[in-house]
C-alpha atoms as a PDB file:
ATOM      1  CA  MET A   1      96.038  96.390  83.509  1.00  0.00           C
ATOM      2  CA  LYS A   2      96.886  95.381  87.137  1.00  0.00           C
ATOM      3  CA  VAL A   3     100.791  96.670  88.040  1.00  0.00           C
ATOM      4  CA  LEU A   4     102.468  94.483  91.513  1.00  0.00           C
ATOM      5  CA  ALA A   5     104.861  96.994  93.179  1.00  0.00           C
ATOM      6  CA  VAL A   6     106.643  96.556  96.388  1.00  0.00           C
ATOM      7  CA  ILE A   7     107.266  99.846  98.100  1.00  0.00           C
ATOM      8  CA  ASP A   8     111.850  99.849  98.595  1.00  0.00           C
ATOM      9  CA  ARG A   9     111.752 102.829 100.967  1.00  0.00           C
ATOM     10  CA  PHE A  10     110.961 105.886 101.283  1.00  0.00           C
ATOM     11  CA  GLU A  11     112.791 109.258 100.493  1.00  0.00           C
ATOM     12  CA  GLY A  12     111.008 112.586 102.751  1.00  0.00           C
ATOM     13  CA  LYS A  13     107.585 112.622 100.585  1.00  0.00           C
ATOM     14  CA  LYS A  14     108.630 110.680  97.855  1.00  0.00           C
ATOM     15  CA  ALA A  15     108.483 106.929  97.597  1.00  0.00           C
ATOM     16  CA  VAL A  16     110.431 104.412  95.617  1.00  0.00           C
ATOM     17  CA  LEU A  17     108.811 101.884  94.452  1.00  0.00           C
ATOM     18  CA  MET A  18     109.703  98.679  92.446  1.00  0.00           C
ATOM     19  CA  LEU A  19     107.472  97.289  89.902  1.00  0.00           C
ATOM     20  CA  GLY A  20     106.755  93.951  88.249  1.00  0.00           C
ATOM     21  CA  ASP A  21     109.017  90.989  87.841  1.00  0.00           C
ATOM     22  CA  GLU A  22     111.345  93.361  86.222  1.00  0.00           C
ATOM     23  CA  GLU A  23     111.635  95.304  89.428  1.00  0.00           C
ATOM     24  CA  VAL A  24     111.250  99.086  87.434  1.00  0.00           C
ATOM     25  CA  GLN A  25     112.363 101.708  90.122  1.00  0.00           C
ATOM     26  CA  VAL A  26     109.724 104.438  89.595  1.00  0.00           C
ATOM     27  CA  VAL A  27     109.092 107.732  92.470  1.00  0.00           C
ATOM     28  CA  TRP A  28     106.094 108.165  93.314  1.00  0.00           C
ATOM     29  CA  PRO A  29     104.102 110.707  95.871  1.00  0.00           C
ATOM     30  CA  ARG A  30     104.240 109.239  99.058  1.00  0.00           C
ATOM     31  CA  GLN A  31     100.677 111.064  99.621  1.00  0.00           C
ATOM     32  CA  SER A  32      99.314 109.144  96.730  1.00  0.00           C
ATOM     33  CA  LEU A  33      99.966 105.552  99.189  1.00  0.00           C
ATOM     34  CA  PRO A  34      97.139 104.567 101.559  1.00  0.00           C
ATOM     35  CA  SER A  35      98.512 106.245 105.065  1.00  0.00           C
ATOM     36  CA  GLU A  36      99.247 103.156 106.786  1.00  0.00           C
ATOM     37  CA  ALA A  37     101.786 101.901 104.153  1.00  0.00           C
ATOM     38  CA  GLN A  38     105.278 101.200 105.033  1.00  0.00           C
ATOM     39  CA  GLU A  39     108.411  99.777 103.963  1.00  0.00           C
ATOM     40  CA  GLY A  40     108.586  96.157 101.984  1.00  0.00           C
ATOM     41  CA  ASP A  41     104.462  96.552 101.315  1.00  0.00           C
ATOM     42  CA  PHE A  42     103.018  95.015  98.520  1.00  0.00           C
ATOM     43  CA  ILE A  43     100.616  97.356  96.133  1.00  0.00           C
ATOM     44  CA  THR A  44      98.756  96.900  92.961  1.00  0.00           C
ATOM     45  CA  MET A  45      98.044  99.305  90.776  1.00  0.00           C
ATOM     46  CA  GLU A  46      95.668  99.250  88.165  1.00  0.00           C
ATOM     47  CA  LEU A  47      96.312 101.512  84.845  1.00  0.00           C
ATOM     48  CA  GLN A  48      93.903 102.261  82.646  1.00  0.00           C
ATOM     49  CA  ILE A  49      93.281 104.935  79.777  1.00  0.00           C
ATOM     50  CA  ASP A  50      90.486 107.232  80.392  1.00  0.00           C
ATOM     51  CA  GLY A  51      89.153 107.756  77.353  1.00  0.00           C
ATOM     52  CA  GLU A  52      86.905 110.675  78.714  1.00  0.00           C
ATOM     53  CA  ALA A  53      90.218 112.656  80.140  1.00  0.00           C
ATOM     54  CA  THR A  54      92.163 112.385  76.474  1.00  0.00           C
ATOM     55  CA  ILE A  55      89.175 113.830  74.817  1.00  0.00           C
ATOM     56  CA  ALA A  56      89.184 116.722  76.437  1.00  0.00           C
ATOM     57  CA  ALA A  57      92.936 116.977  76.999  1.00  0.00           C
ATOM     58  CA  LYS A  58      92.353 116.871  72.731  1.00  0.00           C
ATOM     59  CA  ALA A  59      89.697 119.650  72.576  1.00  0.00           C
ATOM     60  CA  GLU A  60      91.315 122.259  75.058  1.00  0.00           C
ATOM     61  CA  ALA A  61      95.075 121.799  73.196  1.00  0.00           C
ATOM     62  CA  GLU A  62      93.010 122.405  69.847  1.00  0.00           C
ATOM     63  CA  ARG A  63      90.834 124.952  71.623  1.00  0.00           C
ATOM     64  CA  LEU A  64      94.111 126.658  72.729  1.00  0.00           C
ATOM     65  CA  LEU A  65      95.900 126.015  69.935  1.00  0.00           C
ATOM     66  CA  LYS A  66      93.171 127.652  67.620  1.00  0.00           C
ATOM     67  CA  GLU A  67      93.392 131.025  70.047  1.00  0.00           C
ATOM     68  CA  ILE A  68      96.869 131.241  69.699  1.00  0.00           C
ATOM     69  CA  LEU A  69      96.659 131.395  65.412  1.00  0.00           C
ATOM     70  CA  GLU A  70      93.981 133.967  65.459  1.00  0.00           C
ATOM     71  CA  ARG A  71      95.771 136.154  67.319  1.00  0.00           C
ATOM     72  CA  ASN A  72      98.188 135.732  65.578  1.00  0.00           C
ATOM     73  CA  GLN A  73      96.570 136.474  62.337  1.00  0.00           C
ATOM     74  CA  GLU A  74      95.094 139.359  63.905  1.00  0.00           C
ATOM     75  CA  GLY A  75      98.302 141.630  64.512  1.00  0.00           C
END
């Protein structure tokens, strides 16, 4: 899914973006934008689910929960 945004303004280390036709306001780290980006520039962002990262995060959460439960049973 591609999202079109315009850089509305910069506030210190943050950029205020207006997303889509609805102009939803989002605060974004300025350092995550191209260095040449300026107020009024349009940018395109592509959003997609990272299945591998999702699986890895779930496995880590399950591992941590198991570790906590085991510690509670011991003491």
